[in-house]
Amino acid sequence: MSADDSTFFERERERLASEITSGFEELLSSSNILNRKLEDVLDTSRDYDTIAQLWSSFREMMPGARASETSVDEETAGVPGTGGHVVSASASGAGPSAAAKS
């Protein structure tokens, strides 16, 4: 009976050891894939930083760039989608409700 128990113990130990080994291999593979994906994301963000710096230096080299900055803010103040658009009724009453009253 002792021989049967040790063989069962040996088989169970080998099975568990191989299961743990395969689990660690899968974990290592998954972490390598994750690492590659994170490196891709970081490389992409570095590419965007380079492009942003290029456009920034181009904008600074343009004549009158400083004077146009304030006018751009004033121009976008009423543009829909920028958060500065204000809808107001006209004082003359020529809006859509005035056309409906006619």
PDB file of N, CA and C in Angstrom:
ATOM      1  N   MET A   1       0.827  -1.187   0.000  1.00  0.00           N
ATOM      2  CA  MET A   1       0.000   0.000   0.000  1.00  0.00           C
ATOM      3  C   MET A   1       0.873   1.255   0.000  1.00  0.00           C
ATOM      4  N   SER A   2       1.979   1.195   0.634  1.00  0.00           N
ATOM      5  CA  SER A   2       2.895   2.319   0.663  1.00  0.00           C
ATOM      6  C   SER A   2       3.450   2.610  -0.722  1.00  0.00           C
ATOM      7  N   ALA A   3       3.694   1.601  -1.509  1.00  0.00           N
ATOM      8  CA  ALA A   3       4.207   1.768  -2.874  1.00  0.00           C
ATOM      9  C   ALA A   3       3.152   2.422  -3.748  1.00  0.00           C
ATOM     10  N   ASP A   4       1.884   2.031  -3.576  1.00  0.00           N
ATOM     11  CA  ASP A   4       0.806   2.639  -4.357  1.00  0.00           C
ATOM     12  C   ASP A   4       0.628   4.108  -3.986  1.00  0.00           C
ATOM     13  N   ASP A   5       0.740   4.416  -2.708  1.00  0.00           N
ATOM     14  CA  ASP A   5       0.607   5.796  -2.257  1.00  0.00           C
ATOM     15  C   ASP A   5       1.735   6.665  -2.791  1.00  0.00           C
ATOM     16  N   SER A   6       2.943   6.159  -2.795  1.00  0.00           N
ATOM     17  CA  SER A   6       4.065   6.958  -3.291  1.00  0.00           C
ATOM     18  C   SER A   6       3.963   7.159  -4.796  1.00  0.00           C
ATOM     19  N   THR A   7       3.499   6.174  -5.527  1.00  0.00           N
ATOM     20  CA  THR A   7       3.348   6.366  -6.969  1.00  0.00           C
ATOM     21  C   THR A   7       2.236   7.367  -7.251  1.00  0.00           C
ATOM     22  N   PHE A   8       1.144   7.278  -6.492  1.00  0.00           N
ATOM     23  CA  PHE A   8       0.089   8.273  -6.665  1.00  0.00           C
ATOM     24  C   PHE A   8       0.621   9.661  -6.308  1.00  0.00           C
ATOM     25  N   PHE A   9       1.358   9.740  -5.210  1.00  0.00           N
ATOM     26  CA  PHE A   9       1.949  11.012  -4.796  1.00  0.00           C
ATOM     27  C   PHE A   9       2.899  11.538  -5.866  1.00  0.00           C
ATOM     28  N   GLU A  10       3.730  10.673  -6.406  1.00  0.00           N
ATOM     29  CA  GLU A  10       4.683  11.082  -7.448  1.00  0.00           C
ATOM     30  C   GLU A  10       3.951  11.564  -8.701  1.00  0.00           C
ATOM     31  N   ARG A  11       2.921  10.828  -9.094  1.00  0.00           N
ATOM     32  CA  ARG A  11       2.153  11.231 -10.286  1.00  0.00           C
ATOM     33  C   ARG A  11       1.442  12.557 -10.057  1.00  0.00           C
ATOM     34  N   GLU A  12       0.858  12.722  -8.901  1.00  0.00           N
ATOM     35  CA  GLU A  12       0.147  13.970  -8.585  1.00  0.00           C
ATOM     36  C   GLU A  12       1.120  15.137  -8.520  1.00  0.00           C
ATOM     37  N   ARG A  13       2.297  14.896  -7.933  1.00  0.00           N
ATOM     38  CA  ARG A  13       3.313  15.946  -7.862  1.00  0.00           C
ATOM     39  C   ARG A  13       3.777  16.352  -9.260  1.00  0.00           C
ATOM     40  N   GLU A  14       4.000  15.392 -10.133  1.00  0.00           N
ATOM     41  CA  GLU A  14       4.417  15.683 -11.511  1.00  0.00           C
ATOM     42  C   GLU A  14       3.328  16.439 -12.268  1.00  0.00           C
ATOM     43  N   ARG A  15       2.083  16.015 -12.058  1.00  0.00           N
ATOM     44  CA  ARG A  15       0.971  16.697 -12.732  1.00  0.00           C
ATOM     45  C   ARG A  15       0.872  18.147 -12.265  1.00  0.00           C
ATOM     46  N   LEU A  16       0.938  18.377 -10.980  1.00  0.00           N
ATOM     47  CA  LEU A  16       0.852  19.733 -10.444  1.00  0.00           C
ATOM     48  C   LEU A  16       2.055  20.575 -10.864  1.00  0.00           C
ATOM     49  N   ALA A  17       3.232  19.967 -10.882  1.00  0.00           N
ATOM     50  CA  ALA A  17       4.430  20.702 -11.306  1.00  0.00           C
ATOM     51  C   ALA A  17       4.315  21.115 -12.770  1.00  0.00           C
ATOM     52  N   SER A  18       3.814  20.221 -13.618  1.00  0.00           N
ATOM     53  CA  SER A  18       3.661  20.583 -15.038  1.00  0.00           C
ATOM     54  C   SER A  18       2.563  21.627 -15.220  1.00  0.00           C
ATOM     55  N   GLU A  19       1.505  21.552 -14.423  1.00  0.00           N
ATOM     56  CA  GLU A  19       0.438  22.555 -14.491  1.00  0.00           C
ATOM     57  C   GLU A  19       0.954  23.928 -14.065  1.00  0.00           C
ATOM     58  N   ILE A  20       1.751  23.961 -13.008  1.00  0.00           N
ATOM     59  CA  ILE A  20       2.335  25.228 -12.548  1.00  0.00           C
ATOM     60  C   ILE A  20       3.300  25.773 -13.589  1.00  0.00           C
ATOM     61  N   THR A  21       4.104  24.882 -14.187  1.00  0.00           N
ATOM     62  CA  THR A  21       5.057  25.306 -15.217  1.00  0.00           C
ATOM     63  C   THR A  21       4.336  25.902 -16.414  1.00  0.00           C
ATOM     64  N   SER A  22       3.272  25.247 -16.860  1.00  0.00           N
ATOM     65  CA  SER A  22       2.529  25.783 -18.010  1.00  0.00           C
ATOM     66  C   SER A  22       1.851  27.105 -17.650  1.00  0.00           C
ATOM     67  N   GLY A  23       1.393  27.238 -16.415  1.00  0.00           N
ATOM     68  CA  GLY A  23       0.797  28.502 -15.975  1.00  0.00           C
ATOM     69  C   GLY A  23       1.807  29.634 -15.979  1.00  0.00           C
ATOM     70  N   PHE A  24       3.028  29.347 -15.507  1.00  0.00           N
ATOM     71  CA  PHE A  24       4.077  30.367 -15.527  1.00  0.00           C
ATOM     72  C   PHE A  24       4.481  30.729 -16.952  1.00  0.00           C
ATOM     73  N   GLU A  25       4.523  29.740 -17.844  1.00  0.00           N
ATOM     74  CA  GLU A  25       4.855  30.025 -19.242  1.00  0.00           C
ATOM     75  C   GLU A  25       3.798  30.911 -19.883  1.00  0.00           C
ATOM     76  N   GLU A  26       2.534  30.634 -19.589  1.00  0.00           N
ATOM     77  CA  GLU A  26       1.446  31.458 -20.117  1.00  0.00           C
ATOM     78  C   GLU A  26       1.508  32.873 -19.547  1.00  0.00           C
ATOM     79  N   LEU A  27       1.816  32.983 -18.265  1.00  0.00           N
ATOM     80  CA  LEU A  27       1.955  34.290 -17.630  1.00  0.00           C
ATOM     81  C   LEU A  27       3.105  35.073 -18.248  1.00  0.00           C
ATOM     82  N   LEU A  28       4.227  34.416 -18.484  1.00  0.00           N
ATOM     83  CA  LEU A  28       5.376  35.069 -19.097  1.00  0.00           C
ATOM     84  C   LEU A  28       5.048  35.531 -20.512  1.00  0.00           C
ATOM     85  N   SER A  29       4.364  34.695 -21.270  1.00  0.00           N
ATOM     86  CA  SER A  29       3.970  35.062 -22.633  1.00  0.00           C
ATOM     87  C   SER A  29       3.027  36.261 -22.623  1.00  0.00           C
ATOM     88  N   SER A  30       2.050  36.246 -21.731  1.00  0.00           N
ATOM     89  CA  SER A  30       1.095  37.355 -21.654  1.00  0.00           C
ATOM     90  C   SER A  30       1.776  38.646 -21.222  1.00  0.00           C
ATOM     91  N   SER A  31       2.704  38.555 -20.279  1.00  0.00           N
ATOM     92  CA  SER A  31       3.396  39.772 -19.842  1.00  0.00           C
ATOM     93  C   SER A  31       4.309  40.308 -20.940  1.00  0.00           C
ATOM     94  N   ASN A  32       4.893  39.428 -21.749  1.00  0.00           N
ATOM     95  CA  ASN A  32       5.699  39.890 -22.884  1.00  0.00           C
ATOM     96  C   ASN A  32       4.832  40.599 -23.919  1.00  0.00           C
ATOM     97  N   ILE A  33       3.657  40.069 -24.180  1.00  0.00           N
ATOM     98  CA  ILE A  33       2.732  40.710 -25.125  1.00  0.00           C
ATOM     99  C   ILE A  33       2.314  42.079 -24.591  1.00  0.00           C
ATOM    100  N   LEU A  34       1.982  42.145 -23.310  1.00  0.00           N
ATOM    101  CA  LEU A  34       1.599  43.416 -22.697  1.00  0.00           C
ATOM    102  C   LEU A  34       2.743  44.416 -22.766  1.00  0.00           C
ATOM    103  N   ASN A  35       3.948  43.968 -22.517  1.00  0.00           N
ATOM    104  CA  ASN A  35       5.118  44.840 -22.567  1.00  0.00           C
ATOM    105  C   ASN A  35       5.305  45.408 -23.971  1.00  0.00           C
ATOM    106  N   ARG A  36       5.138  44.568 -24.990  1.00  0.00           N
ATOM    107  CA  ARG A  36       5.263  45.055 -26.375  1.00  0.00           C
ATOM    108  C   ARG A  36       4.184  46.077 -26.702  1.00  0.00           C
ATOM    109  N   LYS A  37       2.967  45.834 -26.244  1.00  0.00           N
ATOM    110  CA  LYS A  37       1.874  46.787 -26.494  1.00  0.00           C
ATOM    111  C   LYS A  37       2.151  48.122 -25.810  1.00  0.00           C
ATOM    112  N   LEU A  38       2.636  48.084 -24.574  1.00  0.00           N
ATOM    113  CA  LEU A  38       2.954  49.322 -23.860  1.00  0.00           C
ATOM    114  C   LEU A  38       4.086  50.081 -24.542  1.00  0.00           C
ATOM    115  N   GLU A  39       5.084  49.358 -25.049  1.00  0.00           N
ATOM    116  CA  GLU A  39       6.167  50.018 -25.776  1.00  0.00           C
ATOM    117  C   GLU A  39       5.640  50.673 -27.047  1.00  0.00           C
ATOM    118  N   ASP A  40       4.696  50.008 -27.739  1.00  0.00           N
ATOM    119  CA  ASP A  40       4.089  50.604 -28.935  1.00  0.00           C
ATOM    120  C   ASP A  40       3.352  51.890 -28.588  1.00  0.00           C
ATOM    121  N   VAL A  41       2.609  51.874 -27.489  1.00  0.00           N
ATOM    122  CA  VAL A  41       1.870  53.070 -27.073  1.00  0.00           C
ATOM    123  C   VAL A  41       2.832  54.201 -26.737  1.00  0.00           C
ATOM    124  N   LEU A  42       3.896  53.894 -26.018  1.00  0.00           N
ATOM    125  CA  LEU A  42       4.872  54.928 -25.664  1.00  0.00           C
ATOM    126  C   LEU A  42       5.573  55.481 -26.901  1.00  0.00           C
ATOM    127  N   ASP A  43       5.901  54.606 -27.860  1.00  0.00           N
ATOM    128  CA  ASP A  43       6.529  55.079 -29.091  1.00  0.00           C
ATOM    129  C   ASP A  43       5.583  55.985 -29.866  1.00  0.00           C
ATOM    130  N   THR A  44       4.296  55.624 -29.896  1.00  0.00           N
ATOM    131  CA  THR A  44       3.317  56.446 -30.596  1.00  0.00           C
ATOM    132  C   THR A  44       3.190  57.811 -29.933  1.00  0.00           C
ATOM    133  N   SER A  45       3.158  57.845 -28.610  1.00  0.00           N
ATOM    134  CA  SER A  45       3.043  59.137 -27.923  1.00  0.00           C
ATOM    135  C   SER A  45       4.298  59.975 -28.135  1.00  0.00           C
ATOM    136  N   ARG A  46       5.457  59.340 -28.216  1.00  0.00           N
ATOM    137  CA  ARG A  46       6.684  60.092 -28.509  1.00  0.00           C
ATOM    138  C   ARG A  46       6.624  60.674 -29.915  1.00  0.00           C
ATOM    139  N   ASP A  47       6.045  59.914 -30.861  1.00  0.00           N
ATOM    140  CA  ASP A  47       5.892  60.431 -32.223  1.00  0.00           C
ATOM    141  C   ASP A  47       5.005  61.667 -32.227  1.00  0.00           C
ATOM    142  N   TYR A  48       3.907  61.640 -31.460  1.00  0.00           N
ATOM    143  CA  TYR A  48       3.025  62.799 -31.400  1.00  0.00           C
ATOM    144  C   TYR A  48       3.718  63.994 -30.758  1.00  0.00           C
ATOM    145  N   ASP A  49       4.544  63.747 -29.757  1.00  0.00           N
ATOM    146  CA  ASP A  49       5.293  64.846 -29.132  1.00  0.00           C
ATOM    147  C   ASP A  49       6.228  65.498 -30.137  1.00  0.00           C
ATOM    148  N   THR A  50       6.888  64.688 -30.954  1.00  0.00           N
ATOM    149  CA  THR A  50       7.797  65.222 -31.967  1.00  0.00           C
ATOM    150  C   THR A  50       7.037  66.062 -32.983  1.00  0.00           C
ATOM    151  N   ILE A  51       5.894  65.571 -33.422  1.00  0.00           N
ATOM    152  CA  ILE A  51       5.081  66.306 -34.395  1.00  0.00           C
ATOM    153  C   ILE A  51       4.566  67.604 -33.776  1.00  0.00           C
ATOM    154  N   ALA A  52       4.142  67.549 -32.517  1.00  0.00           N
ATOM    155  CA  ALA A  52       3.647  68.755 -31.840  1.00  0.00           C
ATOM    156  C   ALA A  52       4.754  69.792 -31.702  1.00  0.00           C
ATOM    157  N   GLN A  53       5.960  69.357 -31.384  1.00  0.00           N
ATOM    158  CA  GLN A  53       7.081  70.292 -31.280  1.00  0.00           C
ATOM    159  C   GLN A  53       7.401  70.904 -32.638  1.00  0.00           C
ATOM    160  N   LEU A  54       7.312  70.099 -33.692  1.00  0.00           N
ATOM    161  CA  LEU A  54       7.569  70.604 -35.036  1.00  0.00           C
ATOM    162  C   LEU A  54       6.560  71.688 -35.408  1.00  0.00           C
ATOM    163  N   TRP A  55       5.279  71.433 -35.177  1.00  0.00           N
ATOM    164  CA  TRP A  55       4.258  72.429 -35.507  1.00  0.00           C
ATOM    165  C   TRP A  55       4.381  73.662 -34.618  1.00  0.00           C
ATOM    166  N   SER A  56       4.761  73.472 -33.376  1.00  0.00           N
ATOM    167  CA  SER A  56       4.945  74.606 -32.477  1.00  0.00           C
ATOM    168  C   SER A  56       6.076  75.502 -32.959  1.00  0.00           C
ATOM    169  N   SER A  57       7.182  74.896 -33.367  1.00  0.00           N
ATOM    170  CA  SER A  57       8.295  75.714 -33.866  1.00  0.00           C
ATOM    171  C   SER A  57       7.920  76.383 -35.184  1.00  0.00           C
ATOM    172  N   PHE A  58       7.144  75.701 -36.021  1.00  0.00           N
ATOM    173  CA  PHE A  58       6.677  76.302 -37.273  1.00  0.00           C
ATOM    174  C   PHE A  58       5.789  77.506 -36.986  1.00  0.00           C
ATOM    175  N   ARG A  59       4.898  77.365 -36.007  1.00  0.00           N
ATOM    176  CA  ARG A  59       3.983  78.454 -35.654  1.00  0.00           C
ATOM    177  C   ARG A  59       4.747  79.651 -35.091  1.00  0.00           C
ATOM    178  N   GLU A  60       5.774  79.387 -34.300  1.00  0.00           N
ATOM    179  CA  GLU A  60       6.564  80.475 -33.729  1.00  0.00           C
ATOM    180  C   GLU A  60       7.367  81.209 -34.796  1.00  0.00           C
ATOM    181  N   MET A  61       7.738  80.519 -35.863  1.00  0.00           N
ATOM    182  CA  MET A  61       8.521  81.155 -36.919  1.00  0.00           C
ATOM    183  C   MET A  61       7.666  82.018 -37.836  1.00  0.00           C
ATOM    184  N   MET A  62       6.365  81.771 -37.855  1.00  0.00           N
ATOM    185  CA  MET A  62       5.480  82.531 -38.741  1.00  0.00           C
ATOM    186  C   MET A  62       5.405  83.983 -38.276  1.00  0.00           C
ATOM    187  N   PRO A  63       5.473  84.933 -39.229  1.00  0.00           N
ATOM    188  CA  PRO A  63       5.376  86.344 -38.837  1.00  0.00           C
ATOM    189  C   PRO A  63       3.971  86.664 -38.317  1.00  0.00           C
ATOM    190  N   GLY A  64       3.912  87.432 -37.253  1.00  0.00           N
ATOM    191  CA  GLY A  64       2.629  87.849 -36.685  1.00  0.00           C
ATOM    192  C   GLY A  64       1.924  86.754 -35.917  1.00  0.00           C
ATOM    193  N   ALA A  65       2.626  85.723 -35.514  1.00  0.00           N
ATOM    194  CA  ALA A  65       1.985  84.621 -34.795  1.00  0.00           C
ATOM    195  C   ALA A  65       1.469  85.075 -33.436  1.00  0.00           C
ATOM    196  N   ARG A  66       2.175  85.945 -32.770  1.00  0.00           N
ATOM    197  CA  ARG A  66       1.758  86.413 -31.444  1.00  0.00           C
ATOM    198  C   ARG A  66       0.508  87.292 -31.538  1.00  0.00           C
ATOM    199  N   ALA A  67       0.402  88.114 -32.573  1.00  0.00           N
ATOM    200  CA  ALA A  67      -0.760  88.994 -32.719  1.00  0.00           C
ATOM    201  C   ALA A  67      -2.010  88.195 -33.066  1.00  0.00           C
ATOM    202  N   SER A  68      -1.853  87.097 -33.797  1.00  0.00           N
ATOM    203  CA  SER A  68      -3.018  86.326 -34.214  1.00  0.00           C
ATOM    204  C   SER A  68      -3.553  85.442 -33.097  1.00  0.00           C
ATOM    205  N   GLU A  69      -2.780  85.188 -32.042  1.00  0.00           N
ATOM    206  CA  GLU A  69      -3.261  84.336 -30.960  1.00  0.00           C
ATOM    207  C   GLU A  69      -4.490  84.921 -30.281  1.00  0.00           C
ATOM    208  N   THR A  70      -4.499  86.206 -30.023  1.00  0.00           N
ATOM    209  CA  THR A  70      -5.655  86.807 -29.367  1.00  0.00           C
ATOM    210  C   THR A  70      -6.851  86.841 -30.300  1.00  0.00           C
ATOM    211  N   SER A  71      -6.623  87.070 -31.583  1.00  0.00           N
ATOM    212  CA  SER A  71      -7.749  87.111 -32.507  1.00  0.00           C
ATOM    213  C   SER A  71      -8.341  85.725 -32.706  1.00  0.00           C
ATOM    214  N   VAL A  72      -7.531  84.667 -32.611  1.00  0.00           N
ATOM    215  CA  VAL A  72      -8.061  83.314 -32.731  1.00  0.00           C
ATOM    216  C   VAL A  72      -8.995  83.026 -31.567  1.00  0.00           C
ATOM    217  N   ASP A  73      -8.625  83.438 -30.352  1.00  0.00           N
ATOM    218  CA  ASP A  73      -9.492  83.231 -29.204  1.00  0.00           C
ATOM    219  C   ASP A  73     -10.796  84.001 -29.357  1.00  0.00           C
ATOM    220  N   GLU A  74     -10.725  85.223 -29.888  1.00  0.00           N
ATOM    221  CA  GLU A  74     -11.931  86.016 -30.080  1.00  0.00           C
ATOM    222  C   GLU A  74     -12.797  85.425 -31.181  1.00  0.00           C
ATOM    223  N   GLU A  75     -12.160  84.867 -32.228  1.00  0.00           N
ATOM    224  CA  GLU A  75     -12.938  84.284 -33.323  1.00  0.00           C
ATOM    225  C   GLU A  75     -13.660  83.021 -32.870  1.00  0.00           C
ATOM    226  N   THR A  76     -13.019  82.190 -32.064  1.00  0.00           N
ATOM    227  CA  THR A  76     -13.631  80.932 -31.648  1.00  0.00           C
ATOM    228  C   THR A  76     -14.615  81.105 -30.509  1.00  0.00           C
ATOM    229  N   ALA A  77     -14.743  82.300 -29.955  1.00  0.00           N
ATOM    230  CA  ALA A  77     -15.652  82.513 -28.834  1.00  0.00           C
ATOM    231  C   ALA A  77     -17.095  82.261 -29.235  1.00  0.00           C
ATOM    232  N   GLY A  78     -17.457  82.482 -30.492  1.00  0.00           N
ATOM    233  CA  GLY A  78     -18.829  82.282 -30.914  1.00  0.00           C
ATOM    234  C   GLY A  78     -19.021  81.080 -31.811  1.00  0.00           C
ATOM    235  N   VAL A  79     -18.000  80.260 -31.981  1.00  0.00           N
ATOM    236  CA  VAL A  79     -18.088  79.108 -32.868  1.00  0.00           C
ATOM    237  C   VAL A  79     -18.695  77.930 -32.114  1.00  0.00           C
ATOM    238  N   PRO A  80     -19.743  77.311 -32.679  1.00  0.00           N
ATOM    239  CA  PRO A  80     -20.339  76.154 -32.012  1.00  0.00           C
ATOM    240  C   PRO A  80     -19.310  75.038 -31.857  1.00  0.00           C
ATOM    241  N   GLY A  81     -19.371  74.332 -30.744  1.00  0.00           N
ATOM    242  CA  GLY A  81     -18.451  73.237 -30.487  1.00  0.00           C
ATOM    243  C   GLY A  81     -17.226  73.651 -29.709  1.00  0.00           C
ATOM    244  N   THR A  82     -17.019  74.951 -29.499  1.00  0.00           N
ATOM    245  CA  THR A  82     -15.863  75.410 -28.734  1.00  0.00           C
ATOM    246  C   THR A  82     -16.239  75.772 -27.310  1.00  0.00           C
ATOM    247  N   GLY A  83     -17.518  75.743 -26.995  1.00  0.00           N
ATOM    248  CA  GLY A  83     -17.956  76.074 -25.655  1.00  0.00           C
ATOM    249  C   GLY A  83     -18.259  77.545 -25.475  1.00  0.00           C
ATOM    250  N   GLY A  84     -17.985  78.356 -26.488  1.00  0.00           N
ATOM    251  CA  GLY A  84     -18.207  79.785 -26.349  1.00  0.00           C
ATOM    252  C   GLY A  84     -19.387  80.281 -27.161  1.00  0.00           C
ATOM    253  N   HIS A  85     -20.103  79.387 -27.819  1.00  0.00           N
ATOM    254  CA  HIS A  85     -21.228  79.783 -28.658  1.00  0.00           C
ATOM    255  C   HIS A  85     -22.431  80.119 -27.786  1.00  0.00           C
ATOM    256  N   VAL A  86     -22.984  81.307 -27.994  1.00  0.00           N
ATOM    257  CA  VAL A  86     -24.138  81.750 -27.226  1.00  0.00           C
ATOM    258  C   VAL A  86     -25.281  81.980 -28.196  1.00  0.00           C
ATOM    259  N   VAL A  87     -26.393  81.309 -27.948  1.00  0.00           N
ATOM    260  CA  VAL A  87     -27.576  81.481 -28.786  1.00  0.00           C
ATOM    261  C   VAL A  87     -28.423  82.571 -28.160  1.00  0.00           C
ATOM    262  N   SER A  88     -28.734  83.608 -28.944  1.00  0.00           N
ATOM    263  CA  SER A  88     -29.561  84.689 -28.414  1.00  0.00           C
ATOM    264  C   SER A  88     -30.563  85.106 -29.475  1.00  0.00           C
ATOM    265  N   ALA A  89     -31.709  85.581 -29.028  1.00  0.00           N
ATOM    266  CA  ALA A  89     -32.739  86.063 -29.942  1.00  0.00           C
ATOM    267  C   ALA A  89     -32.376  87.468 -30.389  1.00  0.00           C
ATOM    268  N   SER A  90     -32.662  87.757 -31.641  1.00  0.00           N
ATOM    269  CA  SER A  90     -32.346  89.101 -32.137  1.00  0.00           C
ATOM    270  C   SER A  90     -33.393  90.089 -31.631  1.00  0.00           C
ATOM    271  N   ALA A  91     -32.999  91.328 -31.490  1.00  0.00           N
ATOM    272  CA  ALA A  91     -33.887  92.370 -30.968  1.00  0.00           C
ATOM    273  C   ALA A  91     -34.938  92.770 -31.992  1.00  0.00           C
ATOM    274  N   SER A  92     -34.647  92.576 -33.288  1.00  0.00           N
ATOM    275  CA  SER A  92     -35.582  93.017 -34.315  1.00  0.00           C
ATOM    276  C   SER A  92     -36.739  92.047 -34.499  1.00  0.00           C
ATOM    277  N   GLY A  93     -36.617  90.854 -33.948  1.00  0.00           N
ATOM    278  CA  GLY A  93     -37.706  89.899 -34.092  1.00  0.00           C
ATOM    279  C   GLY A  93     -37.705  89.227 -35.442  1.00  0.00           C
ATOM    280  N   ALA A  94     -36.572  89.210 -36.124  1.00  0.00           N
ATOM    281  CA  ALA A  94     -36.498  88.596 -37.441  1.00  0.00           C
ATOM    282  C   ALA A  94     -36.081  87.140 -37.355  1.00  0.00           C
ATOM    283  N   GLY A  95     -36.156  86.551 -36.208  1.00  0.00           N
ATOM    284  CA  GLY A  95     -35.744  85.162 -36.023  1.00  0.00           C
ATOM    285  C   GLY A  95     -36.793  84.209 -36.545  1.00  0.00           C
ATOM    286  N   PRO A  96     -36.635  82.934 -36.326  1.00  0.00           N
ATOM    287  CA  PRO A  96     -37.583  81.930 -36.814  1.00  0.00           C
ATOM    288  C   PRO A  96     -38.966  82.088 -36.215  1.00  0.00           C
ATOM    289  N   SER A  97     -39.071  82.562 -34.979  1.00  0.00           N
ATOM    290  CA  SER A  97     -40.394  82.721 -34.383  1.00  0.00           C
ATOM    291  C   SER A  97     -41.152  83.867 -35.047  1.00  0.00           C
ATOM    292  N   ALA A  98     -40.436  84.890 -35.533  1.00  0.00           N
ATOM    293  CA  ALA A  98     -41.086  86.002 -36.223  1.00  0.00           C
ATOM    294  C   ALA A  98     -41.635  85.534 -37.559  1.00  0.00           C
ATOM    295  N   ALA A  99     -40.935  84.619 -38.215  1.00  0.00           N
ATOM    296  CA  ALA A  99     -41.415  84.099 -39.493  1.00  0.00           C
ATOM    297  C   ALA A  99     -42.645  83.227 -39.272  1.00  0.00           C
ATOM    298  N   ALA A 100     -42.716  82.536 -38.154  1.00  0.00           N
ATOM    299  CA  ALA A 100     -43.859  81.684 -37.867  1.00  0.00           C
ATOM    300  C   ALA A 100     -45.095  82.513 -37.543  1.00  0.00           C
ATOM    301  N   LYS A 101     -44.917  83.721 -36.988  1.00  0.00           N
ATOM    302  CA  LYS A 101     -46.046  84.572 -36.638  1.00  0.00           C
ATOM    303  C   LYS A 101     -46.695  85.179 -37.866  1.00  0.00           C
ATOM    304  N   SER A 102     -45.951  85.294 -38.970  1.00  0.00           N
ATOM    305  CA  SER A 102     -46.484  85.960 -40.157  1.00  0.00           C
ATOM    306  C   SER A 102     -47.509  85.141 -40.865  1.00  0.00           C
TER     307      SER A 102
END
